[in-house]
Amino acid sequence: MGVKGFVEGGIASIVAGCSTHPLDLIKVRMQLQGEGHAPPNPSVQNLRPALAFRAPAGAHVAPPPPPPTPPLTRVGPVAVGARILRQEGVAALFSGVSATVLRQTLYSTTRMGLYDILKQKWTDPATGNMPLTRKIVAGLIAGGIGAAVGNPADVAMVRMQADGRLPPEQRRNYRSVVDAIQRMARQEGVASLWRGSSLTVNRAMLVTASQLASYDQIKETILAKGLMKDGLGTHVTASFAAGFVAAVASNPVDVIKTRVMNMKVEEGREPPYSGAADCALKTVRAEGPMALYKGFIPTISRQGPFTVVLFVTLEQVRKLLKDF
């Protein structure tokens, strides 16, 4: 039964991940908007003293400071998607899809399988249900372990999705997820494959606990109150609500994770961020606290369909494999 849960969760996760990959790519591009384009600080101005003497002839005069960089114009998900199609082509919407397949195979298969095992062990035999607190704890455990296993694929996926926004001379041009992982290990060290792993684990714990626990709890509530029968309508309703809860809970961590994983570390130069906390502080200081919810519209636009496809597919796969 334990192996069966891993297989069912893995199949459903791969189908959901591939079908919503373009939305995930748009989300990543939006989360990286404004990075490295901090707006000028209005409190710091170049003032000429009231009593200033004219410099003598021939004296060196410092050149005037360069004009401040204009603030970056941020665009919405539709405009980002249209720009990708116009500048990079339709195929660019599926950049990094091989990394998505590997990530879902490692990360989601592990978390879905572990959650299923814990659910079977912790379910009350008398009622057939598991208390909400146990569902949340099971999601936290399963999500954390799954993220640790799948982090290399997650780093590769973020980089492959973000590559098209860089100037041609700065692009990494990974051919596949295997090429990405090999080049990262060779050029930046094996430890780079787990860059941002603390953020990945935290995000995965939040997503899994909110997503899986919410789905089970909402589905049980709908059936217990007789609002709907156990069928496609119940599965879609419960899964979309679970997707919204997961998006709200995970978006701030997801923004920081994306930026830490995507940063370019060059030998002899200080990295843009020293860690997750440093990235969060710099992001909030430069772009404001709402920057942590940057890309929320594509996040919920992706998280909703992803969760619906995930659980609807999972329910159908369970029916197909019930005799095995």
C-alpha atoms as a PDB file:
ATOM      1  CA  MET A   1       0.000   0.000   0.000  1.00  0.00           C
ATOM      2  CA  GLY A   2       2.893   2.362   0.717  1.00  0.00           C
ATOM      3  CA  VAL A   3       4.442   1.915  -2.745  1.00  0.00           C
ATOM      4  CA  LYS A   4       1.032   2.342  -4.359  1.00  0.00           C
ATOM      5  CA  GLY A   5       0.630   5.767  -2.751  1.00  0.00           C
ATOM      6  CA  PHE A   6       3.977   6.894  -4.214  1.00  0.00           C
ATOM      7  CA  VAL A   7       3.010   5.674  -7.710  1.00  0.00           C
ATOM      8  CA  GLU A   8      -0.428   7.322  -7.624  1.00  0.00           C
ATOM      9  CA  GLY A   9       0.959  10.618  -6.318  1.00  0.00           C
ATOM     10  CA  GLY A  10       3.834  10.593  -8.800  1.00  0.00           C
ATOM     11  CA  ILE A  11       1.639  10.069 -11.865  1.00  0.00           C
ATOM     12  CA  ALA A  12      -0.824  12.776 -10.799  1.00  0.00           C
ATOM     13  CA  SER A  13       1.974  15.238  -9.975  1.00  0.00           C
ATOM     14  CA  ILE A  14       3.773  14.815 -13.306  1.00  0.00           C
ATOM     15  CA  VAL A  15       0.523  15.315 -15.250  1.00  0.00           C
ATOM     16  CA  ALA A  16      -0.336  18.423 -13.214  1.00  0.00           C
ATOM     17  CA  GLY A  17       3.192  19.865 -13.396  1.00  0.00           C
ATOM     18  CA  CYS A  18       3.541  19.530 -17.169  1.00  0.00           C
ATOM     19  CA  SER A  19       0.055  20.870 -17.922  1.00  0.00           C
ATOM     20  CA  THR A  20       0.588  24.043 -15.856  1.00  0.00           C
ATOM     21  CA  HIS A  21       4.290  24.602 -16.643  1.00  0.00           C
ATOM     22  CA  PRO A  22       3.756  27.793 -18.763  1.00  0.00           C
ATOM     23  CA  LEU A  23       1.925  29.444 -15.850  1.00  0.00           C
ATOM     24  CA  ASP A  24       4.770  28.507 -13.511  1.00  0.00           C
ATOM     25  CA  LEU A  25       7.316  30.008 -15.921  1.00  0.00           C
ATOM     26  CA  ILE A  26       5.375  33.299 -16.070  1.00  0.00           C
ATOM     27  CA  LYS A  27       5.238  33.313 -12.257  1.00  0.00           C
ATOM     28  CA  VAL A  28       9.036  32.927 -12.023  1.00  0.00           C
ATOM     29  CA  ARG A  29       9.640  35.743 -14.516  1.00  0.00           C
ATOM     30  CA  MET A  30       7.306  38.053 -12.556  1.00  0.00           C
ATOM     31  CA  GLN A  31       8.992  37.221  -9.252  1.00  0.00           C
ATOM     32  CA  LEU A  32      12.329  38.311 -10.738  1.00  0.00           C
ATOM     33  CA  GLN A  33      10.952  41.678 -11.920  1.00  0.00           C
ATOM     34  CA  GLY A  34      12.674  44.566 -10.162  1.00  0.00           C
ATOM     35  CA  GLU A  35      15.642  42.498  -9.018  1.00  0.00           C
ATOM     36  CA  GLY A  36      18.726  44.662  -9.249  1.00  0.00           C
ATOM     37  CA  HIS A  37      16.631  47.736 -10.093  1.00  0.00           C
ATOM     38  CA  ALA A  38      16.238  49.385  -6.704  1.00  0.00           C
ATOM     39  CA  PRO A  39      14.469  52.741  -7.001  1.00  0.00           C
ATOM     40  CA  PRO A  40      16.401  55.854  -5.989  1.00  0.00           C
ATOM     41  CA  ASN A  41      16.100  56.961  -2.398  1.00  0.00           C
ATOM     42  CA  PRO A  42      14.295  60.347  -2.408  1.00  0.00           C
ATOM     43  CA  SER A  43      15.788  61.299   0.960  1.00  0.00           C
ATOM     44  CA  VAL A  44      19.295  61.375  -0.521  1.00  0.00           C
ATOM     45  CA  GLN A  45      19.696  64.367  -2.826  1.00  0.00           C
ATOM     46  CA  ASN A  46      22.643  66.216  -4.278  1.00  0.00           C
ATOM     47  CA  LEU A  47      22.391  69.684  -2.687  1.00  0.00           C
ATOM     48  CA  ARG A  48      24.659  72.649  -3.388  1.00  0.00           C
ATOM     49  CA  PRO A  49      25.578  74.525  -0.199  1.00  0.00           C
ATOM     50  CA  ALA A  50      24.127  78.004   0.185  1.00  0.00           C
ATOM     51  CA  LEU A  51      27.609  79.515   0.695  1.00  0.00           C
ATOM     52  CA  ALA A  52      29.737  77.941  -2.016  1.00  0.00           C
ATOM     53  CA  PHE A  53      32.869  79.392  -3.558  1.00  0.00           C
ATOM     54  CA  ARG A  54      33.541  79.114  -7.257  1.00  0.00           C
ATOM     55  CA  ALA A  55      36.451  76.803  -8.021  1.00  0.00           C
ATOM     56  CA  PRO A  56      39.622  78.541  -9.193  1.00  0.00           C
ATOM     57  CA  ALA A  57      40.607  78.233 -12.842  1.00  0.00           C
ATOM     58  CA  GLY A  58      42.385  75.013 -13.647  1.00  0.00           C
ATOM     59  CA  ALA A  59      41.170  73.286 -10.496  1.00  0.00           C
ATOM     60  CA  HIS A  60      39.786  69.774 -10.798  1.00  0.00           C
ATOM     61  CA  VAL A  61      36.016  69.751 -10.600  1.00  0.00           C
ATOM     62  CA  ALA A  62      34.252  66.469  -9.900  1.00  0.00           C
ATOM     63  CA  PRO A  63      31.885  65.459 -12.680  1.00  0.00           C
ATOM     64  CA  PRO A  64      28.181  65.653 -11.862  1.00  0.00           C
ATOM     65  CA  PRO A  65      26.624  62.436 -10.562  1.00  0.00           C
ATOM     66  CA  PRO A  66      24.834  60.278 -13.130  1.00  0.00           C
ATOM     67  CA  PRO A  67      21.070  60.713 -13.313  1.00  0.00           C
ATOM     68  CA  PRO A  68      19.113  58.309 -11.095  1.00  0.00           C
ATOM     69  CA  THR A  69      17.955  55.075 -12.661  1.00  0.00           C
ATOM     70  CA  PRO A  70      14.267  55.344 -13.467  1.00  0.00           C
ATOM     71  CA  PRO A  71      12.073  52.912 -11.564  1.00  0.00           C
ATOM     72  CA  LEU A  72      11.340  49.662 -13.399  1.00  0.00           C
ATOM     73  CA  THR A  73       7.893  49.418 -14.939  1.00  0.00           C
ATOM     74  CA  ARG A  74       6.279  46.194 -13.767  1.00  0.00           C
ATOM     75  CA  VAL A  75       3.853  44.370 -16.007  1.00  0.00           C
ATOM     76  CA  GLY A  76       1.159  41.792 -15.336  1.00  0.00           C
ATOM     77  CA  PRO A  77       1.038  38.079 -16.197  1.00  0.00           C
ATOM     78  CA  VAL A  78      -0.728  38.561 -19.535  1.00  0.00           C
ATOM     79  CA  ALA A  79       1.870  41.120 -20.672  1.00  0.00           C
ATOM     80  CA  VAL A  80       4.728  38.889 -19.452  1.00  0.00           C
ATOM     81  CA  GLY A  81       3.305  35.921 -21.340  1.00  0.00           C
ATOM     82  CA  ALA A  82       2.788  37.991 -24.491  1.00  0.00           C
ATOM     83  CA  ARG A  83       6.353  39.321 -24.286  1.00  0.00           C
ATOM     84  CA  ILE A  84       7.752  35.787 -23.947  1.00  0.00           C
ATOM     85  CA  LEU A  85       5.775  34.667 -26.995  1.00  0.00           C
ATOM     86  CA  ARG A  86       6.868  37.708 -29.016  1.00  0.00           C
ATOM     87  CA  GLN A  87      10.568  37.678 -28.087  1.00  0.00           C
ATOM     88  CA  GLU A  88      11.299  33.983 -27.498  1.00  0.00           C
ATOM     89  CA  GLY A  89       8.565  32.006 -29.243  1.00  0.00           C
ATOM     90  CA  VAL A  90       5.955  29.474 -28.132  1.00  0.00           C
ATOM     91  CA  ALA A  91       8.568  26.870 -27.167  1.00  0.00           C
ATOM     92  CA  ALA A  92       9.928  29.270 -24.515  1.00  0.00           C
ATOM     93  CA  LEU A  93       6.777  28.729 -22.436  1.00  0.00           C
ATOM     94  CA  PHE A  94       8.006  25.183 -21.886  1.00  0.00           C
ATOM     95  CA  SER A  95      11.591  26.094 -21.020  1.00  0.00           C
ATOM     96  CA  GLY A  96      12.713  23.807 -18.225  1.00  0.00           C
ATOM     97  CA  VAL A  97       9.855  21.309 -18.614  1.00  0.00           C
ATOM     98  CA  SER A  98      12.362  18.439 -18.326  1.00  0.00           C
ATOM     99  CA  ALA A  99      13.345  19.837 -14.918  1.00  0.00           C
ATOM    100  CA  THR A 100       9.654  20.003 -13.987  1.00  0.00           C
ATOM    101  CA  VAL A 101       9.248  16.296 -14.797  1.00  0.00           C
ATOM    102  CA  LEU A 102      12.304  15.399 -12.694  1.00  0.00           C
ATOM    103  CA  ARG A 103      11.198  17.709  -9.867  1.00  0.00           C
ATOM    104  CA  GLN A 104       7.713  16.191  -9.738  1.00  0.00           C
ATOM    105  CA  THR A 105       9.211  12.694  -9.916  1.00  0.00           C
ATOM    106  CA  LEU A 106      11.473  13.371  -6.925  1.00  0.00           C
ATOM    107  CA  TYR A 107       9.682  15.978  -4.845  1.00  0.00           C
ATOM    108  CA  SER A 108       5.970  15.396  -5.375  1.00  0.00           C
ATOM    109  CA  THR A 109       6.177  11.618  -5.546  1.00  0.00           C
ATOM    110  CA  THR A 110       7.971  11.622  -2.190  1.00  0.00           C
ATOM    111  CA  ARG A 111       5.618  14.067  -0.459  1.00  0.00           C
ATOM    112  CA  MET A 112       2.432  12.475  -1.804  1.00  0.00           C
ATOM    113  CA  GLY A 113       3.587   8.967  -0.895  1.00  0.00           C
ATOM    114  CA  LEU A 114       4.736   9.906   2.615  1.00  0.00           C
ATOM    115  CA  TYR A 115       1.533  11.845   3.277  1.00  0.00           C
ATOM    116  CA  ASP A 116      -0.498   8.812   2.208  1.00  0.00           C
ATOM    117  CA  ILE A 117       1.472   6.543   4.566  1.00  0.00           C
ATOM    118  CA  LEU A 118       1.051   8.932   7.519  1.00  0.00           C
ATOM    119  CA  LYS A 119      -2.622   9.372   6.676  1.00  0.00           C
ATOM    120  CA  GLN A 120      -3.180   5.619   6.846  1.00  0.00           C
ATOM    121  CA  LYS A 121      -1.325   5.356  10.162  1.00  0.00           C
ATOM    122  CA  TRP A 122      -2.954   8.360  11.843  1.00  0.00           C
ATOM    123  CA  THR A 123      -6.549   7.993  10.625  1.00  0.00           C
ATOM    124  CA  ASP A 124      -9.050   7.263  13.395  1.00  0.00           C
ATOM    125  CA  PRO A 125     -10.379   3.713  12.727  1.00  0.00           C
ATOM    126  CA  ALA A 126     -13.749   4.552  14.301  1.00  0.00           C
ATOM    127  CA  THR A 127     -14.574   7.590  12.148  1.00  0.00           C
ATOM    128  CA  GLY A 128     -12.358   6.925   9.132  1.00  0.00           C
ATOM    129  CA  ASN A 129     -11.106  10.534   9.299  1.00  0.00           C
ATOM    130  CA  MET A 130      -7.888  12.161  10.477  1.00  0.00           C
ATOM    131  CA  PRO A 131      -7.989  15.283  12.699  1.00  0.00           C
ATOM    132  CA  LEU A 132      -6.936  18.522  11.000  1.00  0.00           C
ATOM    133  CA  THR A 133      -3.918  18.991  13.272  1.00  0.00           C
ATOM    134  CA  ARG A 134      -2.582  15.579  12.270  1.00  0.00           C
ATOM    135  CA  LYS A 135      -3.170  16.374   8.599  1.00  0.00           C
ATOM    136  CA  ILE A 136      -1.115  19.552   8.963  1.00  0.00           C
ATOM    137  CA  VAL A 137       1.710  17.738  10.783  1.00  0.00           C
ATOM    138  CA  ALA A 138       1.706  14.976   8.146  1.00  0.00           C
ATOM    139  CA  GLY A 139       1.910  17.617   5.405  1.00  0.00           C
ATOM    140  CA  LEU A 140       4.796  19.417   7.124  1.00  0.00           C
ATOM    141  CA  ILE A 141       6.800  16.196   7.470  1.00  0.00           C
ATOM    142  CA  ALA A 142       6.086  14.927   3.952  1.00  0.00           C
ATOM    143  CA  GLY A 143       6.732  18.305   2.327  1.00  0.00           C
ATOM    144  CA  GLY A 144      10.044  18.858   4.101  1.00  0.00           C
ATOM    145  CA  ILE A 145      11.458  15.439   3.161  1.00  0.00           C
ATOM    146  CA  GLY A 146      10.197  15.710  -0.422  1.00  0.00           C
ATOM    147  CA  ALA A 147      11.795  19.131  -0.896  1.00  0.00           C
ATOM    148  CA  ALA A 148      15.173  17.951   0.373  1.00  0.00           C
ATOM    149  CA  VAL A 149      15.097  15.106  -2.163  1.00  0.00           C
ATOM    150  CA  GLY A 150      13.992  17.269  -5.091  1.00  0.00           C
ATOM    151  CA  ASN A 151      16.022  20.461  -4.532  1.00  0.00           C
ATOM    152  CA  PRO A 152      18.583  19.901  -7.352  1.00  0.00           C
ATOM    153  CA  ALA A 153      15.776  19.613  -9.905  1.00  0.00           C
ATOM    154  CA  ASP A 154      14.107  22.689  -8.384  1.00  0.00           C
ATOM    155  CA  VAL A 155      17.255  24.819  -8.798  1.00  0.00           C
ATOM    156  CA  ALA A 156      17.659  23.615 -12.391  1.00  0.00           C
ATOM    157  CA  MET A 157      14.002  24.365 -13.168  1.00  0.00           C
ATOM    158  CA  VAL A 158      14.181  27.940 -11.823  1.00  0.00           C
ATOM    159  CA  ARG A 159      17.352  28.694 -13.781  1.00  0.00           C
ATOM    160  CA  MET A 160      16.039  27.218 -17.031  1.00  0.00           C
ATOM    161  CA  GLN A 161      12.780  29.154 -16.688  1.00  0.00           C
ATOM    162  CA  ALA A 162      14.567  32.433 -15.923  1.00  0.00           C
ATOM    163  CA  ASP A 163      17.294  32.117 -18.576  1.00  0.00           C
ATOM    164  CA  GLY A 164      15.324  33.828 -21.335  1.00  0.00           C
ATOM    165  CA  ARG A 165      15.085  37.112 -19.423  1.00  0.00           C
ATOM    166  CA  LEU A 166      18.883  37.549 -19.434  1.00  0.00           C
ATOM    167  CA  PRO A 167      20.886  39.202 -22.234  1.00  0.00           C
ATOM    168  CA  PRO A 168      22.117  36.577 -24.761  1.00  0.00           C
ATOM    169  CA  GLU A 169      25.744  36.852 -23.591  1.00  0.00           C
ATOM    170  CA  GLN A 170      24.752  36.125 -19.963  1.00  0.00           C
ATOM    171  CA  ARG A 171      22.443  33.164 -20.564  1.00  0.00           C
ATOM    172  CA  ARG A 172      23.416  29.760 -19.245  1.00  0.00           C
ATOM    173  CA  ASN A 173      21.764  27.906 -22.167  1.00  0.00           C
ATOM    174  CA  TYR A 174      21.282  24.602 -20.391  1.00  0.00           C
ATOM    175  CA  ARG A 175      20.341  21.904 -22.913  1.00  0.00           C
ATOM    176  CA  SER A 176      18.372  19.809 -20.421  1.00  0.00           C
ATOM    177  CA  VAL A 177      17.913  19.257 -16.706  1.00  0.00           C
ATOM    178  CA  VAL A 178      20.758  16.715 -16.726  1.00  0.00           C
ATOM    179  CA  ASP A 179      23.078  19.239 -18.419  1.00  0.00           C
ATOM    180  CA  ALA A 180      22.030  21.903 -15.893  1.00  0.00           C
ATOM    181  CA  ILE A 181      22.757  19.697 -12.884  1.00  0.00           C
ATOM    182  CA  GLN A 182      26.099  18.523 -14.312  1.00  0.00           C
ATOM    183  CA  ARG A 183      27.285  22.059 -15.128  1.00  0.00           C
ATOM    184  CA  MET A 184      26.213  23.438 -11.746  1.00  0.00           C
ATOM    185  CA  ALA A 185      28.079  20.661  -9.934  1.00  0.00           C
ATOM    186  CA  ARG A 186      31.178  21.145 -12.100  1.00  0.00           C
ATOM    187  CA  GLN A 187      31.299  24.957 -12.178  1.00  0.00           C
ATOM    188  CA  GLU A 188      29.853  25.910  -8.783  1.00  0.00           C
ATOM    189  CA  GLY A 189      30.324  22.780  -6.698  1.00  0.00           C
ATOM    190  CA  VAL A 190      27.929  20.048  -5.622  1.00  0.00           C
ATOM    191  CA  ALA A 191      26.662  22.267  -2.794  1.00  0.00           C
ATOM    192  CA  SER A 192      25.118  24.600  -5.399  1.00  0.00           C
ATOM    193  CA  LEU A 193      22.524  21.903  -6.136  1.00  0.00           C
ATOM    194  CA  TRP A 194      21.103  22.532  -2.679  1.00  0.00           C
ATOM    195  CA  ARG A 195      21.294  26.335  -2.903  1.00  0.00           C
ATOM    196  CA  GLY A 196      18.193  27.764  -1.276  1.00  0.00           C
ATOM    197  CA  SER A 197      17.303  24.349   0.156  1.00  0.00           C
ATOM    198  CA  SER A 198      16.166  25.856   3.456  1.00  0.00           C
ATOM    199  CA  LEU A 199      13.696  28.001   1.518  1.00  0.00           C
ATOM    200  CA  THR A 200      12.627  25.053  -0.622  1.00  0.00           C
ATOM    201  CA  VAL A 201      11.995  22.962   2.476  1.00  0.00           C
ATOM    202  CA  ASN A 202      10.075  25.765   4.213  1.00  0.00           C
ATOM    203  CA  ARG A 203       7.976  26.434   1.109  1.00  0.00           C
ATOM    204  CA  ALA A 204       7.290  22.737   0.548  1.00  0.00           C
ATOM    205  CA  MET A 205       6.230  22.272   4.159  1.00  0.00           C
ATOM    206  CA  LEU A 206       3.810  25.209   3.856  1.00  0.00           C
ATOM    207  CA  VAL A 207       2.471  24.102   0.465  1.00  0.00           C
ATOM    208  CA  THR A 208       2.031  20.446   1.388  1.00  0.00           C
ATOM    209  CA  ALA A 209       0.479  21.143   4.785  1.00  0.00           C
ATOM    210  CA  SER A 210      -1.922  23.754   3.395  1.00  0.00           C
ATOM    211  CA  GLN A 211      -2.650  21.984   0.100  1.00  0.00           C
ATOM    212  CA  LEU A 212      -3.130  18.362   1.139  1.00  0.00           C
ATOM    213  CA  ALA A 213      -4.634  19.079   4.553  1.00  0.00           C
ATOM    214  CA  SER A 214      -7.037  21.674   3.092  1.00  0.00           C
ATOM    215  CA  TYR A 215      -8.135  19.351   0.309  1.00  0.00           C
ATOM    216  CA  ASP A 216      -8.875  16.472   2.660  1.00  0.00           C
ATOM    217  CA  GLN A 217     -10.581  18.705   5.218  1.00  0.00           C
ATOM    218  CA  ILE A 218     -12.747  20.577   2.692  1.00  0.00           C
ATOM    219  CA  LYS A 219     -13.688  17.383   0.885  1.00  0.00           C
ATOM    220  CA  GLU A 220     -14.683  15.688   4.150  1.00  0.00           C
ATOM    221  CA  THR A 221     -16.740  18.753   5.180  1.00  0.00           C
ATOM    222  CA  ILE A 222     -18.593  18.857   1.838  1.00  0.00           C
ATOM    223  CA  LEU A 223     -19.444  15.159   2.044  1.00  0.00           C
ATOM    224  CA  ALA A 224     -20.352  15.260   5.754  1.00  0.00           C
ATOM    225  CA  LYS A 225     -22.785  18.159   5.265  1.00  0.00           C
ATOM    226  CA  GLY A 226     -24.262  16.577   2.156  1.00  0.00           C
ATOM    227  CA  LEU A 227     -23.533  19.639   0.019  1.00  0.00           C
ATOM    228  CA  MET A 228     -22.316  17.520  -2.899  1.00  0.00           C
ATOM    229  CA  LYS A 229     -21.777  13.869  -3.716  1.00  0.00           C
ATOM    230  CA  ASP A 230     -18.352  12.288  -3.954  1.00  0.00           C
ATOM    231  CA  GLY A 231     -17.558  13.020  -7.587  1.00  0.00           C
ATOM    232  CA  LEU A 232     -15.846  15.368  -9.991  1.00  0.00           C
ATOM    233  CA  GLY A 233     -17.655  18.475  -8.686  1.00  0.00           C
ATOM    234  CA  THR A 234     -16.538  17.823  -5.111  1.00  0.00           C
ATOM    235  CA  HIS A 235     -12.955  17.123  -6.205  1.00  0.00           C
ATOM    236  CA  VAL A 236     -12.724  20.334  -8.283  1.00  0.00           C
ATOM    237  CA  THR A 237     -14.270  22.512  -5.547  1.00  0.00           C
ATOM    238  CA  ALA A 238     -12.069  21.138  -2.760  1.00  0.00           C
ATOM    239  CA  SER A 239      -8.900  21.202  -4.852  1.00  0.00           C
ATOM    240  CA  PHE A 240      -9.347  24.806  -6.079  1.00  0.00           C
ATOM    241  CA  ALA A 241      -9.950  26.004  -2.511  1.00  0.00           C
ATOM    242  CA  ALA A 242      -6.851  24.095  -1.397  1.00  0.00           C
ATOM    243  CA  GLY A 243      -4.839  25.720  -4.188  1.00  0.00           C
ATOM    244  CA  PHE A 244      -5.851  29.210  -3.030  1.00  0.00           C
ATOM    245  CA  VAL A 245      -4.855  28.449   0.578  1.00  0.00           C
ATOM    246  CA  ALA A 246      -1.490  27.063  -0.577  1.00  0.00           C
ATOM    247  CA  ALA A 247      -0.785  30.113  -2.771  1.00  0.00           C
ATOM    248  CA  VAL A 248      -1.453  32.598   0.042  1.00  0.00           C
ATOM    249  CA  ALA A 249       0.699  30.647   2.499  1.00  0.00           C
ATOM    250  CA  SER A 250       3.686  30.028   0.238  1.00  0.00           C
ATOM    251  CA  ASN A 251       4.097  33.063  -2.054  1.00  0.00           C
ATOM    252  CA  PRO A 252       6.500  35.131   0.159  1.00  0.00           C
ATOM    253  CA  VAL A 253       8.846  32.172   0.624  1.00  0.00           C
ATOM    254  CA  ASP A 254       8.525  31.338  -3.078  1.00  0.00           C
ATOM    255  CA  VAL A 255       9.684  34.823  -4.146  1.00  0.00           C
ATOM    256  CA  ILE A 256      12.799  34.638  -1.942  1.00  0.00           C
ATOM    257  CA  LYS A 257      13.493  31.044  -3.049  1.00  0.00           C
ATOM    258  CA  THR A 258      13.322  32.018  -6.720  1.00  0.00           C
ATOM    259  CA  ARG A 259      15.752  34.915  -6.283  1.00  0.00           C
ATOM    260  CA  VAL A 260      18.286  32.962  -4.198  1.00  0.00           C
ATOM    261  CA  MET A 261      18.265  30.024  -6.619  1.00  0.00           C
ATOM    262  CA  ASN A 262      18.567  32.257  -9.688  1.00  0.00           C
ATOM    263  CA  MET A 263      21.412  34.486  -8.421  1.00  0.00           C
ATOM    264  CA  LYS A 264      24.608  34.303 -10.412  1.00  0.00           C
ATOM    265  CA  VAL A 265      27.709  33.680  -8.298  1.00  0.00           C
ATOM    266  CA  GLU A 266      30.962  34.711  -9.984  1.00  0.00           C
ATOM    267  CA  GLU A 267      34.403  33.802  -8.715  1.00  0.00           C
ATOM    268  CA  GLY A 268      36.087  36.645  -6.861  1.00  0.00           C
ATOM    269  CA  ARG A 269      32.884  38.667  -6.523  1.00  0.00           C
ATOM    270  CA  GLU A 270      30.488  38.887  -3.620  1.00  0.00           C
ATOM    271  CA  PRO A 271      27.180  37.072  -4.325  1.00  0.00           C
ATOM    272  CA  PRO A 272      24.052  39.265  -4.578  1.00  0.00           C
ATOM    273  CA  TYR A 273      22.588  37.654  -1.448  1.00  0.00           C
ATOM    274  CA  SER A 274      24.353  36.049   1.497  1.00  0.00           C
ATOM    275  CA  GLY A 275      21.286  33.975   2.342  1.00  0.00           C
ATOM    276  CA  ALA A 276      17.517  33.870   2.593  1.00  0.00           C
ATOM    277  CA  ALA A 277      17.246  36.519   5.314  1.00  0.00           C
ATOM    278  CA  ASP A 278      19.564  38.881   3.428  1.00  0.00           C
ATOM    279  CA  CYS A 279      17.524  38.407   0.237  1.00  0.00           C
ATOM    280  CA  ALA A 280      14.269  39.095   2.087  1.00  0.00           C
ATOM    281  CA  LEU A 281      15.659  42.267   3.690  1.00  0.00           C
ATOM    282  CA  LYS A 282      17.113  43.604   0.433  1.00  0.00           C
ATOM    283  CA  THR A 283      13.903  42.826  -1.454  1.00  0.00           C
ATOM    284  CA  VAL A 284      11.666  44.563   1.101  1.00  0.00           C
ATOM    285  CA  ARG A 285      14.055  47.517   1.490  1.00  0.00           C
ATOM    286  CA  ALA A 286      14.369  48.091  -2.261  1.00  0.00           C
ATOM    287  CA  GLU A 287      10.863  47.210  -3.462  1.00  0.00           C
ATOM    288  CA  GLY A 288       8.583  47.328  -0.425  1.00  0.00           C
ATOM    289  CA  PRO A 289       6.883  44.542   1.589  1.00  0.00           C
ATOM    290  CA  MET A 290       4.349  43.784  -1.156  1.00  0.00           C
ATOM    291  CA  ALA A 291       7.256  42.579  -3.298  1.00  0.00           C
ATOM    292  CA  LEU A 292       6.965  39.332  -1.322  1.00  0.00           C
ATOM    293  CA  TYR A 293       3.615  38.808  -3.052  1.00  0.00           C
ATOM    294  CA  LYS A 294       5.028  39.610  -6.464  1.00  0.00           C
ATOM    295  CA  GLY A 295       3.709  37.123  -8.993  1.00  0.00           C
ATOM    296  CA  PHE A 296       0.724  36.247  -6.791  1.00  0.00           C
ATOM    297  CA  ILE A 297      -1.782  36.407  -9.664  1.00  0.00           C
ATOM    298  CA  PRO A 298       0.142  33.883 -11.783  1.00  0.00           C
ATOM    299  CA  THR A 299       0.830  31.901  -8.607  1.00  0.00           C
ATOM    300  CA  ILE A 300      -2.862  31.464  -7.864  1.00  0.00           C
ATOM    301  CA  SER A 301      -3.545  31.118 -11.594  1.00  0.00           C
ATOM    302  CA  ARG A 302      -1.068  28.250 -11.625  1.00  0.00           C
ATOM    303  CA  GLN A 303      -1.689  26.852  -8.135  1.00  0.00           C
ATOM    304  CA  GLY A 304      -5.442  26.624  -8.711  1.00  0.00           C
ATOM    305  CA  PRO A 305      -5.310  24.626 -11.971  1.00  0.00           C
ATOM    306  CA  PHE A 306      -2.310  22.625 -10.726  1.00  0.00           C
ATOM    307  CA  THR A 307      -4.143  21.555  -7.583  1.00  0.00           C
ATOM    308  CA  VAL A 308      -7.329  20.783  -9.525  1.00  0.00           C
ATOM    309  CA  VAL A 309      -5.456  18.670 -12.098  1.00  0.00           C
ATOM    310  CA  LEU A 310      -3.405  17.047  -9.327  1.00  0.00           C
ATOM    311  CA  PHE A 311      -6.315  15.845  -7.202  1.00  0.00           C
ATOM    312  CA  VAL A 312      -8.735  15.069 -10.042  1.00  0.00           C
ATOM    313  CA  THR A 313      -6.009  12.974 -11.699  1.00  0.00           C
ATOM    314  CA  LEU A 314      -5.137  11.403  -8.347  1.00  0.00           C
ATOM    315  CA  GLU A 315      -8.739  10.347  -7.725  1.00  0.00           C
ATOM    316  CA  GLN A 316      -8.953   8.805 -11.222  1.00  0.00           C
ATOM    317  CA  VAL A 317      -5.605   7.014 -10.850  1.00  0.00           C
ATOM    318  CA  ARG A 318      -6.779   5.614  -7.500  1.00  0.00           C
ATOM    319  CA  LYS A 319      -9.869   4.206  -9.191  1.00  0.00           C
ATOM    320  CA  LEU A 320      -7.738   2.598 -11.921  1.00  0.00           C
ATOM    321  CA  LEU A 321      -5.284   1.088  -9.419  1.00  0.00           C
ATOM    322  CA  LYS A 322      -7.767   0.124  -6.685  1.00  0.00           C
ATOM    323  CA  ASP A 323      -7.475  -3.586  -7.552  1.00  0.00           C
ATOM    324  CA  PHE A 324      -3.663  -3.610  -7.424  1.00  0.00           C
END
